[in-house]
Amino acid sequence: MLNITVAVSEFLLDCAIIPGQRSLTVAALILVYVVSIIGNVLVIIVVKINQQLHSPMYIFIGTLAIIDLANSTIIIPKMLAIIQFDYTVISYEACLAQMFGIINLEQIVALLLALMAVDRYIAVVYPLRYPSIVTRNLVVVVISVLPVFSIVLHISYLVYTTELSFCHTNVLPYCLCDYATLVHASCNEDPKYLSLLSIMVMVLGICPLLLILLSYFRIVIEALKIKSKDRNNKVFSTCVTHIIVVCFFYLPPLTSYILPGAGLEVSSAGYNAVFISGNVVPPMMNPVIYSFRNKEIKSSIYKFFTGKRLGEDLMHH
């Protein structure tokens, strides 16, 4: 596959897996995909049909479930085809579509997690003004704008990718089409291609994280001032739930950036393991975390499976 023409029509995804762990990886991916689908669909259903869960926080959680569902579907089936059936070929157009889809979905999640942190900040710090500041209509508008905002911001990735020439190889040493991998595999030496990635990561990746950390720092300070023990515990419980979700989203990619910077060499299989876990584990874990740690969602799921009407509690009160 060396010395091919500059214009390529397809790529080969060389998904390096730790030797002897192919079957285990396939089984794990199938399990993760099934749990992701069931968990996220359940969250979407209970948020949709339970009127009590139509508040801003649950609209955010329901939206996160939709994005997680899309993310898993873009990533896992193709990955399974590569690992299990050696179906490594992906067309140029499909590769760009996958890259652009993953970039946008990850960006929307980052912005959504930041919005959820700000939502909790306003609810804790300004509880009396919260209903007038964070309205359902505002949340719906903001969520509707997020995909458009993300696509406009990331259109430069598509423009730059179409400029790349692949005169040495069309083999990508990764399980998925990734912008950085495409740049490294190309013949282009212009630093602008990787500079774009660095700027985007700093501005659109780190800034939402800083906003999240700042919001929760202020929430913790405010929660410590609350005299009511029950309300204090509820604030901390909600914060811990969101922070766990944030950690699952941010830790894997940060690890992949930090380890090489610290001088530690990571094999292709190691990078793929970090990348796979960072992209497929959060969509599976998010609904599990919210289902176990959020009483309202847990109760709604229980009622859904036991056949109780979700509105019964409202009629009794």
C-alpha atoms as a PDB file:
ATOM      1  CA  MET A   1       0.000   0.000   0.000  1.00  0.00           C
ATOM      2  CA  LEU A   2       3.002   2.305  -0.244  1.00  0.00           C
ATOM      3  CA  ASN A   3       3.676   4.875  -2.962  1.00  0.00           C
ATOM      4  CA  ILE A   4       0.041   5.357  -3.812  1.00  0.00           C
ATOM      5  CA  THR A   5      -1.310   8.359  -5.641  1.00  0.00           C
ATOM      6  CA  VAL A   6      -1.832  11.680  -3.878  1.00  0.00           C
ATOM      7  CA  ALA A   7      -5.615  11.485  -4.140  1.00  0.00           C
ATOM      8  CA  VAL A   8      -6.858   8.461  -2.215  1.00  0.00           C
ATOM      9  CA  SER A   9     -10.306   6.911  -2.530  1.00  0.00           C
ATOM     10  CA  GLU A  10     -10.067   4.795   0.616  1.00  0.00           C
ATOM     11  CA  PHE A  11      -8.077   4.194   3.792  1.00  0.00           C
ATOM     12  CA  LEU A  12      -7.077   1.084   5.703  1.00  0.00           C
ATOM     13  CA  LEU A  13      -7.655   1.244   9.459  1.00  0.00           C
ATOM     14  CA  ASP A  14      -4.898  -0.696  11.213  1.00  0.00           C
ATOM     15  CA  CYS A  15      -6.577  -1.246  14.569  1.00  0.00           C
ATOM     16  CA  ALA A  16      -3.770  -2.584  16.763  1.00  0.00           C
ATOM     17  CA  ILE A  17      -5.123  -4.670  19.623  1.00  0.00           C
ATOM     18  CA  ILE A  18      -3.043  -6.163  22.433  1.00  0.00           C
ATOM     19  CA  PRO A  19      -1.999  -9.639  21.174  1.00  0.00           C
ATOM     20  CA  GLY A  20      -4.269 -12.456  22.283  1.00  0.00           C
ATOM     21  CA  GLN A  21      -7.064 -10.108  23.346  1.00  0.00           C
ATOM     22  CA  ARG A  22      -9.038  -9.841  20.117  1.00  0.00           C
ATOM     23  CA  SER A  23     -11.909 -12.090  21.272  1.00  0.00           C
ATOM     24  CA  LEU A  24     -12.019 -10.371  24.658  1.00  0.00           C
ATOM     25  CA  THR A  25     -12.090  -6.935  22.976  1.00  0.00           C
ATOM     26  CA  VAL A  26     -14.929  -7.981  20.663  1.00  0.00           C
ATOM     27  CA  ALA A  27     -16.961  -9.419  23.556  1.00  0.00           C
ATOM     28  CA  ALA A  28     -16.343  -6.277  25.639  1.00  0.00           C
ATOM     29  CA  LEU A  29     -17.372  -3.978  22.755  1.00  0.00           C
ATOM     30  CA  ILE A  30     -20.592  -5.938  22.151  1.00  0.00           C
ATOM     31  CA  LEU A  31     -21.419  -5.786  25.874  1.00  0.00           C
ATOM     32  CA  VAL A  32     -20.646  -2.058  26.003  1.00  0.00           C
ATOM     33  CA  TYR A  33     -22.787  -1.380  22.908  1.00  0.00           C
ATOM     34  CA  VAL A  34     -25.779  -3.360  24.229  1.00  0.00           C
ATOM     35  CA  VAL A  35     -25.594  -1.675  27.653  1.00  0.00           C
ATOM     36  CA  SER A  36     -25.188   1.742  25.966  1.00  0.00           C
ATOM     37  CA  ILE A  37     -28.264   1.240  23.785  1.00  0.00           C
ATOM     38  CA  ILE A  38     -30.482  -0.145  26.571  1.00  0.00           C
ATOM     39  CA  GLY A  39     -29.309   2.399  29.165  1.00  0.00           C
ATOM     40  CA  ASN A  40     -29.562   5.488  26.996  1.00  0.00           C
ATOM     41  CA  VAL A  41     -32.871   4.491  25.396  1.00  0.00           C
ATOM     42  CA  LEU A  42     -34.306   3.917  28.885  1.00  0.00           C
ATOM     43  CA  VAL A  43     -33.145   7.352  30.070  1.00  0.00           C
ATOM     44  CA  ILE A  44     -34.593   9.006  26.944  1.00  0.00           C
ATOM     45  CA  ILE A  45     -37.949   7.205  27.389  1.00  0.00           C
ATOM     46  CA  VAL A  46     -38.396   7.995  31.102  1.00  0.00           C
ATOM     47  CA  VAL A  47     -37.384  11.639  30.633  1.00  0.00           C
ATOM     48  CA  LYS A  48     -39.814  11.913  27.725  1.00  0.00           C
ATOM     49  CA  ILE A  49     -42.864  10.266  29.321  1.00  0.00           C
ATOM     50  CA  ASN A  50     -42.497  11.490  32.911  1.00  0.00           C
ATOM     51  CA  GLN A  51     -43.799  15.046  33.267  1.00  0.00           C
ATOM     52  CA  GLN A  52     -41.841  15.410  36.517  1.00  0.00           C
ATOM     53  CA  LEU A  53     -38.612  15.020  34.532  1.00  0.00           C
ATOM     54  CA  HIS A  54     -39.283  17.884  32.135  1.00  0.00           C
ATOM     55  CA  SER A  55     -37.183  20.325  34.167  1.00  0.00           C
ATOM     56  CA  PRO A  56     -33.977  21.806  32.656  1.00  0.00           C
ATOM     57  CA  MET A  57     -31.606  19.378  34.416  1.00  0.00           C
ATOM     58  CA  TYR A  58     -33.414  16.312  33.065  1.00  0.00           C
ATOM     59  CA  ILE A  59     -33.682  17.808  29.585  1.00  0.00           C
ATOM     60  CA  PHE A  60     -29.872  18.088  29.674  1.00  0.00           C
ATOM     61  CA  ILE A  61     -29.567  14.467  30.861  1.00  0.00           C
ATOM     62  CA  GLY A  62     -31.962  13.267  28.144  1.00  0.00           C
ATOM     63  CA  THR A  63     -29.997  15.178  25.497  1.00  0.00           C
ATOM     64  CA  LEU A  64     -26.739  13.661  26.749  1.00  0.00           C
ATOM     65  CA  ALA A  65     -28.335  10.204  26.366  1.00  0.00           C
ATOM     66  CA  ILE A  66     -29.271  10.966  22.721  1.00  0.00           C
ATOM     67  CA  ILE A  67     -25.701  12.094  21.953  1.00  0.00           C
ATOM     68  CA  ASP A  68     -24.232   9.041  23.712  1.00  0.00           C
ATOM     69  CA  LEU A  69     -26.486   6.796  21.633  1.00  0.00           C
ATOM     70  CA  ALA A  70     -25.305   8.483  18.415  1.00  0.00           C
ATOM     71  CA  ASN A  71     -21.661   8.352  19.497  1.00  0.00           C
ATOM     72  CA  SER A  72     -21.770   4.616  20.250  1.00  0.00           C
ATOM     73  CA  THR A  73     -23.465   3.904  16.923  1.00  0.00           C
ATOM     74  CA  ILE A  74     -20.900   5.870  14.904  1.00  0.00           C
ATOM     75  CA  ILE A  75     -17.958   4.160  16.614  1.00  0.00           C
ATOM     76  CA  ILE A  76     -18.651   0.611  17.827  1.00  0.00           C
ATOM     77  CA  PRO A  77     -20.186  -1.210  14.784  1.00  0.00           C
ATOM     78  CA  LYS A  78     -17.293  -0.157  12.505  1.00  0.00           C
ATOM     79  CA  MET A  79     -14.766  -1.056  15.204  1.00  0.00           C
ATOM     80  CA  LEU A  80     -16.324  -4.527  15.561  1.00  0.00           C
ATOM     81  CA  ALA A  81     -16.188  -5.017  11.779  1.00  0.00           C
ATOM     82  CA  ILE A  82     -12.479  -4.152  11.810  1.00  0.00           C
ATOM     83  CA  ILE A  83     -11.462  -6.299  14.779  1.00  0.00           C
ATOM     84  CA  GLN A  84     -13.681  -9.354  14.202  1.00  0.00           C
ATOM     85  CA  PHE A  85     -13.892  -9.541  10.398  1.00  0.00           C
ATOM     86  CA  ASP A  86     -10.758  -7.595   9.357  1.00  0.00           C
ATOM     87  CA  TYR A  87     -13.011  -5.239   7.407  1.00  0.00           C
ATOM     88  CA  THR A  88     -10.399  -2.501   7.554  1.00  0.00           C
ATOM     89  CA  VAL A  89     -11.285  -0.618   4.372  1.00  0.00           C
ATOM     90  CA  ILE A  90     -13.157   2.675   4.724  1.00  0.00           C
ATOM     91  CA  SER A  91     -13.905   5.036   1.848  1.00  0.00           C
ATOM     92  CA  TYR A  92     -12.404   8.532   1.853  1.00  0.00           C
ATOM     93  CA  GLU A  93     -15.847  10.133   2.206  1.00  0.00           C
ATOM     94  CA  ALA A  94     -16.935   7.761   5.007  1.00  0.00           C
ATOM     95  CA  CYS A  95     -13.646   8.409   6.826  1.00  0.00           C
ATOM     96  CA  LEU A  96     -14.183  12.184   6.729  1.00  0.00           C
ATOM     97  CA  ALA A  97     -17.823  11.770   7.782  1.00  0.00           C
ATOM     98  CA  GLN A  98     -16.823   9.585  10.747  1.00  0.00           C
ATOM     99  CA  MET A  99     -14.064  12.004  11.795  1.00  0.00           C
ATOM    100  CA  PHE A 100     -16.376  15.018  11.554  1.00  0.00           C
ATOM    101  CA  GLY A 101     -19.212  13.228  13.348  1.00  0.00           C
ATOM    102  CA  ILE A 102     -17.045  12.153  16.291  1.00  0.00           C
ATOM    103  CA  ILE A 103     -15.449  15.611  16.631  1.00  0.00           C
ATOM    104  CA  ASN A 104     -18.860  17.300  16.731  1.00  0.00           C
ATOM    105  CA  LEU A 105     -20.467  14.823  19.115  1.00  0.00           C
ATOM    106  CA  GLU A 106     -17.527  15.130  21.532  1.00  0.00           C
ATOM    107  CA  GLN A 107     -17.725  18.915  21.322  1.00  0.00           C
ATOM    108  CA  ILE A 108     -21.455  18.930  22.017  1.00  0.00           C
ATOM    109  CA  VAL A 109     -20.888  16.694  25.069  1.00  0.00           C
ATOM    110  CA  ALA A 110     -18.150  19.040  26.361  1.00  0.00           C
ATOM    111  CA  LEU A 111     -20.431  22.068  25.978  1.00  0.00           C
ATOM    112  CA  LEU A 112     -23.413  20.180  27.418  1.00  0.00           C
ATOM    113  CA  LEU A 113     -21.438  19.152  30.522  1.00  0.00           C
ATOM    114  CA  ALA A 114     -20.401  22.798  30.964  1.00  0.00           C
ATOM    115  CA  LEU A 115     -24.041  23.921  30.657  1.00  0.00           C
ATOM    116  CA  MET A 116     -25.096  21.303  33.217  1.00  0.00           C
ATOM    117  CA  ALA A 117     -22.446  22.601  35.628  1.00  0.00           C
ATOM    118  CA  VAL A 118     -23.631  26.204  35.138  1.00  0.00           C
ATOM    119  CA  ASP A 119     -27.242  25.031  35.591  1.00  0.00           C
ATOM    120  CA  ARG A 120     -26.366  23.461  38.961  1.00  0.00           C
ATOM    121  CA  TYR A 121     -24.347  26.561  39.908  1.00  0.00           C
ATOM    122  CA  ILE A 122     -27.345  28.847  39.330  1.00  0.00           C
ATOM    123  CA  ALA A 123     -29.673  26.397  41.144  1.00  0.00           C
ATOM    124  CA  VAL A 124     -27.447  26.334  44.247  1.00  0.00           C
ATOM    125  CA  VAL A 125     -26.153  29.919  44.355  1.00  0.00           C
ATOM    126  CA  TYR A 126     -29.331  31.666  43.145  1.00  0.00           C
ATOM    127  CA  PRO A 127     -32.143  29.218  44.097  1.00  0.00           C
ATOM    128  CA  LEU A 128     -34.902  31.854  44.194  1.00  0.00           C
ATOM    129  CA  ARG A 129     -33.989  33.311  40.803  1.00  0.00           C
ATOM    130  CA  TYR A 130     -33.287  29.935  39.181  1.00  0.00           C
ATOM    131  CA  PRO A 131     -36.819  29.332  37.739  1.00  0.00           C
ATOM    132  CA  SER A 132     -36.804  32.732  36.018  1.00  0.00           C
ATOM    133  CA  ILE A 133     -33.185  32.460  34.749  1.00  0.00           C
ATOM    134  CA  VAL A 134     -33.133  28.840  33.538  1.00  0.00           C
ATOM    135  CA  THR A 135     -36.444  28.242  31.771  1.00  0.00           C
ATOM    136  CA  ARG A 136     -37.440  25.208  29.739  1.00  0.00           C
ATOM    137  CA  ASN A 137     -37.705  27.324  26.579  1.00  0.00           C
ATOM    138  CA  LEU A 138     -34.186  28.705  27.089  1.00  0.00           C
ATOM    139  CA  VAL A 139     -32.766  25.207  27.587  1.00  0.00           C
ATOM    140  CA  VAL A 140     -34.508  23.875  24.459  1.00  0.00           C
ATOM    141  CA  VAL A 141     -33.211  26.808  22.371  1.00  0.00           C
ATOM    142  CA  VAL A 142     -29.645  26.411  23.693  1.00  0.00           C
ATOM    143  CA  ILE A 143     -29.653  22.645  23.055  1.00  0.00           C
ATOM    144  CA  SER A 144     -31.021  23.206  19.522  1.00  0.00           C
ATOM    145  CA  VAL A 145     -28.235  25.708  18.794  1.00  0.00           C
ATOM    146  CA  LEU A 146     -25.402  23.470  20.095  1.00  0.00           C
ATOM    147  CA  PRO A 147     -25.106  21.208  16.995  1.00  0.00           C
ATOM    148  CA  VAL A 148     -25.144  24.192  14.611  1.00  0.00           C
ATOM    149  CA  PHE A 149     -22.582  26.022  16.769  1.00  0.00           C
ATOM    150  CA  SER A 150     -20.317  22.958  16.843  1.00  0.00           C
ATOM    151  CA  ILE A 151     -20.536  22.286  13.083  1.00  0.00           C
ATOM    152  CA  VAL A 152     -19.716  25.916  12.232  1.00  0.00           C
ATOM    153  CA  LEU A 153     -16.739  25.863  14.623  1.00  0.00           C
ATOM    154  CA  HIS A 154     -15.351  22.605  13.229  1.00  0.00           C
ATOM    155  CA  ILE A 155     -15.912  23.129   9.512  1.00  0.00           C
ATOM    156  CA  SER A 156     -12.219  24.144   9.350  1.00  0.00           C
ATOM    157  CA  TYR A 157     -11.286  20.517  10.138  1.00  0.00           C
ATOM    158  CA  LEU A 158     -13.075  19.378   6.973  1.00  0.00           C
ATOM    159  CA  VAL A 159     -11.500  22.131   4.877  1.00  0.00           C
ATOM    160  CA  TYR A 160      -7.993  21.288   6.122  1.00  0.00           C
ATOM    161  CA  THR A 161      -8.515  17.534   5.715  1.00  0.00           C
ATOM    162  CA  THR A 162      -9.503  17.926   2.061  1.00  0.00           C
ATOM    163  CA  GLU A 163      -6.162  19.732   1.509  1.00  0.00           C
ATOM    164  CA  LEU A 164      -4.118  16.759   2.762  1.00  0.00           C
ATOM    165  CA  SER A 165      -2.126  14.630   0.297  1.00  0.00           C
ATOM    166  CA  PHE A 166      -1.425  10.964   0.995  1.00  0.00           C
ATOM    167  CA  CYS A 167       1.569  10.150  -1.187  1.00  0.00           C
ATOM    168  CA  HIS A 168       3.282   7.692   1.208  1.00  0.00           C
ATOM    169  CA  THR A 169       0.522   5.548   2.652  1.00  0.00           C
ATOM    170  CA  ASN A 170      -3.227   5.225   3.053  1.00  0.00           C
ATOM    171  CA  VAL A 171      -2.891   3.084   6.192  1.00  0.00           C
ATOM    172  CA  LEU A 172      -4.078   4.803   9.371  1.00  0.00           C
ATOM    173  CA  PRO A 173      -2.657   3.207  12.572  1.00  0.00           C
ATOM    174  CA  TYR A 174      -5.899   3.696  14.459  1.00  0.00           C
ATOM    175  CA  CYS A 175      -9.280   2.037  14.972  1.00  0.00           C
ATOM    176  CA  LEU A 176     -11.125   5.089  13.670  1.00  0.00           C
ATOM    177  CA  CYS A 177     -10.671   8.052  11.379  1.00  0.00           C
ATOM    178  CA  ASP A 178      -9.093  10.746  13.503  1.00  0.00           C
ATOM    179  CA  TYR A 179      -7.968  14.209  12.384  1.00  0.00           C
ATOM    180  CA  ALA A 180      -4.526  14.024  14.031  1.00  0.00           C
ATOM    181  CA  THR A 181      -3.882  10.563  12.526  1.00  0.00           C
ATOM    182  CA  LEU A 182      -4.838  11.800   9.057  1.00  0.00           C
ATOM    183  CA  VAL A 183      -2.444  14.752   9.374  1.00  0.00           C
ATOM    184  CA  HIS A 184       0.425  12.520  10.560  1.00  0.00           C
ATOM    185  CA  ALA A 185      -0.203  10.038   7.721  1.00  0.00           C
ATOM    186  CA  SER A 186      -0.222  12.771   5.070  1.00  0.00           C
ATOM    187  CA  CYS A 187       2.734  14.283   3.204  1.00  0.00           C
ATOM    188  CA  ASN A 188       1.865  17.831   4.247  1.00  0.00           C
ATOM    189  CA  GLU A 189       4.526  19.554   6.356  1.00  0.00           C
ATOM    190  CA  ASP A 190       2.666  22.813   6.993  1.00  0.00           C
ATOM    191  CA  PRO A 191       2.379  23.293  10.805  1.00  0.00           C
ATOM    192  CA  LYS A 192      -1.051  24.950  10.398  1.00  0.00           C
ATOM    193  CA  TYR A 193      -2.744  21.518  10.328  1.00  0.00           C
ATOM    194  CA  LEU A 194      -1.618  20.512  13.811  1.00  0.00           C
ATOM    195  CA  SER A 195      -1.799  24.100  15.077  1.00  0.00           C
ATOM    196  CA  LEU A 196      -5.524  24.046  14.317  1.00  0.00           C
ATOM    197  CA  LEU A 197      -5.898  20.951  16.503  1.00  0.00           C
ATOM    198  CA  SER A 198      -3.925  22.503  19.378  1.00  0.00           C
ATOM    199  CA  ILE A 199      -5.965  25.722  19.284  1.00  0.00           C
ATOM    200  CA  MET A 200      -9.265  23.824  19.123  1.00  0.00           C
ATOM    201  CA  VAL A 201      -8.314  21.549  22.038  1.00  0.00           C
ATOM    202  CA  MET A 202      -7.217  24.491  24.179  1.00  0.00           C
ATOM    203  CA  VAL A 203     -10.193  26.748  23.430  1.00  0.00           C
ATOM    204  CA  LEU A 204     -13.053  24.288  22.915  1.00  0.00           C
ATOM    205  CA  GLY A 205     -11.835  21.455  25.141  1.00  0.00           C
ATOM    206  CA  ILE A 206     -10.013  23.021  28.079  1.00  0.00           C
ATOM    207  CA  CYS A 207     -12.249  26.132  28.422  1.00  0.00           C
ATOM    208  CA  PRO A 208     -15.454  24.108  29.046  1.00  0.00           C
ATOM    209  CA  LEU A 209     -13.495  21.989  31.570  1.00  0.00           C
ATOM    210  CA  LEU A 210     -12.308  25.103  33.409  1.00  0.00           C
ATOM    211  CA  LEU A 211     -15.882  26.427  33.467  1.00  0.00           C
ATOM    212  CA  ILE A 212     -17.050  23.075  34.904  1.00  0.00           C
ATOM    213  CA  LEU A 213     -14.352  23.077  37.615  1.00  0.00           C
ATOM    214  CA  LEU A 214     -15.031  26.710  38.511  1.00  0.00           C
ATOM    215  CA  SER A 215     -18.796  26.074  38.750  1.00  0.00           C
ATOM    216  CA  TYR A 216     -18.403  23.063  41.023  1.00  0.00           C
ATOM    217  CA  PHE A 217     -15.813  24.856  43.159  1.00  0.00           C
ATOM    218  CA  ARG A 218     -18.342  27.655  43.765  1.00  0.00           C
ATOM    219  CA  ILE A 219     -21.109  25.100  44.362  1.00  0.00           C
ATOM    220  CA  VAL A 220     -19.051  23.311  47.024  1.00  0.00           C
ATOM    221  CA  ILE A 221     -18.299  26.610  48.798  1.00  0.00           C
ATOM    222  CA  GLU A 222     -21.992  27.553  48.697  1.00  0.00           C
ATOM    223  CA  ALA A 223     -23.124  24.072  49.809  1.00  0.00           C
ATOM    224  CA  LEU A 224     -20.909  24.272  52.881  1.00  0.00           C
ATOM    225  CA  LYS A 225     -22.832  27.398  53.937  1.00  0.00           C
ATOM    226  CA  ILE A 226     -26.208  25.623  53.737  1.00  0.00           C
ATOM    227  CA  LYS A 227     -27.500  24.867  57.232  1.00  0.00           C
ATOM    228  CA  SER A 228     -30.065  22.269  56.119  1.00  0.00           C
ATOM    229  CA  LYS A 229     -28.282  18.918  56.212  1.00  0.00           C
ATOM    230  CA  ASP A 230     -30.724  17.263  53.751  1.00  0.00           C
ATOM    231  CA  ARG A 231     -30.343  20.005  51.155  1.00  0.00           C
ATOM    232  CA  ASN A 232     -26.577  20.017  51.698  1.00  0.00           C
ATOM    233  CA  ASN A 233     -26.393  16.271  51.062  1.00  0.00           C
ATOM    234  CA  LYS A 234     -28.616  16.573  47.971  1.00  0.00           C
ATOM    235  CA  VAL A 235     -26.355  19.287  46.514  1.00  0.00           C
ATOM    236  CA  PHE A 236     -23.228  17.198  47.100  1.00  0.00           C
ATOM    237  CA  SER A 237     -24.875  14.045  45.723  1.00  0.00           C
ATOM    238  CA  THR A 238     -25.911  15.844  42.507  1.00  0.00           C
ATOM    239  CA  CYS A 239     -22.444  17.368  42.128  1.00  0.00           C
ATOM    240  CA  VAL A 240     -20.678  14.032  42.649  1.00  0.00           C
ATOM    241  CA  THR A 241     -22.882  12.437  39.960  1.00  0.00           C
ATOM    242  CA  HIS A 242     -22.006  15.127  37.415  1.00  0.00           C
ATOM    243  CA  ILE A 243     -18.303  15.100  38.361  1.00  0.00           C
ATOM    244  CA  ILE A 244     -18.121  11.316  37.805  1.00  0.00           C
ATOM    245  CA  VAL A 245     -19.611  11.817  34.311  1.00  0.00           C
ATOM    246  CA  VAL A 246     -17.121  14.654  33.611  1.00  0.00           C
ATOM    247  CA  CYS A 247     -14.196  12.453  34.741  1.00  0.00           C
ATOM    248  CA  PHE A 248     -15.221   9.600  32.433  1.00  0.00           C
ATOM    249  CA  PHE A 249     -15.378  12.062  29.526  1.00  0.00           C
ATOM    250  CA  TYR A 250     -12.155  14.017  30.146  1.00  0.00           C
ATOM    251  CA  LEU A 251      -9.683  11.601  31.776  1.00  0.00           C
ATOM    252  CA  PRO A 252      -8.948   9.228  28.820  1.00  0.00           C
ATOM    253  CA  PRO A 253      -8.108  11.982  26.272  1.00  0.00           C
ATOM    254  CA  LEU A 254      -6.130  13.949  28.866  1.00  0.00           C
ATOM    255  CA  THR A 255      -4.172  10.776  29.661  1.00  0.00           C
ATOM    256  CA  SER A 256      -3.319  10.284  25.985  1.00  0.00           C
ATOM    257  CA  TYR A 257      -1.958  13.859  25.846  1.00  0.00           C
ATOM    258  CA  ILE A 258      -0.144  13.799  29.196  1.00  0.00           C
ATOM    259  CA  LEU A 259       1.695  10.442  28.932  1.00  0.00           C
ATOM    260  CA  PRO A 260       3.757  11.292  25.800  1.00  0.00           C
ATOM    261  CA  GLY A 261       4.481  14.733  27.267  1.00  0.00           C
ATOM    262  CA  ALA A 262       5.835  13.050  30.399  1.00  0.00           C
ATOM    263  CA  GLY A 263       8.276  11.070  28.261  1.00  0.00           C
ATOM    264  CA  LEU A 264       6.429   7.751  28.507  1.00  0.00           C
ATOM    265  CA  GLU A 265       6.288   5.736  25.301  1.00  0.00           C
ATOM    266  CA  VAL A 266       2.894   4.269  24.552  1.00  0.00           C
ATOM    267  CA  SER A 267       2.428   1.491  21.993  1.00  0.00           C
ATOM    268  CA  SER A 268      -0.157   1.655  19.207  1.00  0.00           C
ATOM    269  CA  ALA A 269      -2.178  -0.962  21.090  1.00  0.00           C
ATOM    270  CA  GLY A 270      -1.965   1.194  24.223  1.00  0.00           C
ATOM    271  CA  TYR A 271      -3.150   4.282  22.359  1.00  0.00           C
ATOM    272  CA  ASN A 272      -6.008   2.331  20.821  1.00  0.00           C
ATOM    273  CA  ALA A 273      -6.990   0.993  24.250  1.00  0.00           C
ATOM    274  CA  VAL A 274      -7.093   4.551  25.675  1.00  0.00           C
ATOM    275  CA  PHE A 275      -8.949   5.831  22.610  1.00  0.00           C
ATOM    276  CA  ILE A 276     -11.491   2.991  22.647  1.00  0.00           C
ATOM    277  CA  SER A 277     -12.157   3.349  26.370  1.00  0.00           C
ATOM    278  CA  GLY A 278     -12.423   7.137  26.082  1.00  0.00           C
ATOM    279  CA  ASN A 279     -14.974   6.949  23.285  1.00  0.00           C
ATOM    280  CA  VAL A 280     -17.110   3.926  24.126  1.00  0.00           C
ATOM    281  CA  VAL A 281     -17.093   3.707  27.939  1.00  0.00           C
ATOM    282  CA  PRO A 282     -18.688   7.122  28.776  1.00  0.00           C
ATOM    283  CA  PRO A 283     -21.809   6.510  26.610  1.00  0.00           C
ATOM    284  CA  MET A 284     -22.275   3.221  28.487  1.00  0.00           C
ATOM    285  CA  MET A 285     -21.520   4.573  31.965  1.00  0.00           C
ATOM    286  CA  ASN A 286     -23.509   7.830  31.840  1.00  0.00           C
ATOM    287  CA  PRO A 287     -26.989   6.243  31.940  1.00  0.00           C
ATOM    288  CA  VAL A 288     -25.775   3.733  34.549  1.00  0.00           C
ATOM    289  CA  ILE A 289     -24.437   6.555  36.753  1.00  0.00           C
ATOM    290  CA  TYR A 290     -27.607   8.641  36.438  1.00  0.00           C
ATOM    291  CA  SER A 291     -29.847   5.599  36.959  1.00  0.00           C
ATOM    292  CA  PHE A 292     -28.117   4.553  40.172  1.00  0.00           C
ATOM    293  CA  ARG A 293     -27.376   7.976  41.637  1.00  0.00           C
ATOM    294  CA  ASN A 294     -30.489   9.933  40.654  1.00  0.00           C
ATOM    295  CA  LYS A 295     -33.583   8.988  42.685  1.00  0.00           C
ATOM    296  CA  GLU A 296     -36.057  10.471  40.193  1.00  0.00           C
ATOM    297  CA  ILE A 297     -34.628   8.593  37.199  1.00  0.00           C
ATOM    298  CA  LYS A 298     -34.211   5.384  39.227  1.00  0.00           C
ATOM    299  CA  SER A 299     -37.834   5.655  40.402  1.00  0.00           C
ATOM    300  CA  SER A 300     -39.092   6.362  36.864  1.00  0.00           C
ATOM    301  CA  ILE A 301     -37.241   3.346  35.441  1.00  0.00           C
ATOM    302  CA  TYR A 302     -38.657   1.148  38.234  1.00  0.00           C
ATOM    303  CA  LYS A 303     -42.184   2.371  37.465  1.00  0.00           C
ATOM    304  CA  PHE A 304     -41.596   1.840  33.753  1.00  0.00           C
ATOM    305  CA  PHE A 305     -40.709  -1.826  34.269  1.00  0.00           C
ATOM    306  CA  THR A 306     -43.283  -2.560  36.971  1.00  0.00           C
ATOM    307  CA  GLY A 307     -46.109  -1.091  34.920  1.00  0.00           C
ATOM    308  CA  LYS A 308     -47.001   1.622  37.401  1.00  0.00           C
ATOM    309  CA  ARG A 309     -48.233   4.817  35.818  1.00  0.00           C
ATOM    310  CA  LEU A 310     -45.630   7.540  36.119  1.00  0.00           C
ATOM    311  CA  GLY A 311     -48.298  10.032  37.040  1.00  0.00           C
ATOM    312  CA  GLU A 312     -49.626   8.077  40.034  1.00  0.00           C
ATOM    313  CA  ASP A 313     -47.465   9.907  42.552  1.00  0.00           C
ATOM    314  CA  LEU A 314     -48.705  13.228  41.261  1.00  0.00           C
ATOM    315  CA  MET A 315     -52.349  12.159  41.659  1.00  0.00           C
ATOM    316  CA  HIS A 316     -51.759  10.989  45.236  1.00  0.00           C
ATOM    317  CA  HIS A 317     -50.162  14.299  46.283  1.00  0.00           C
END
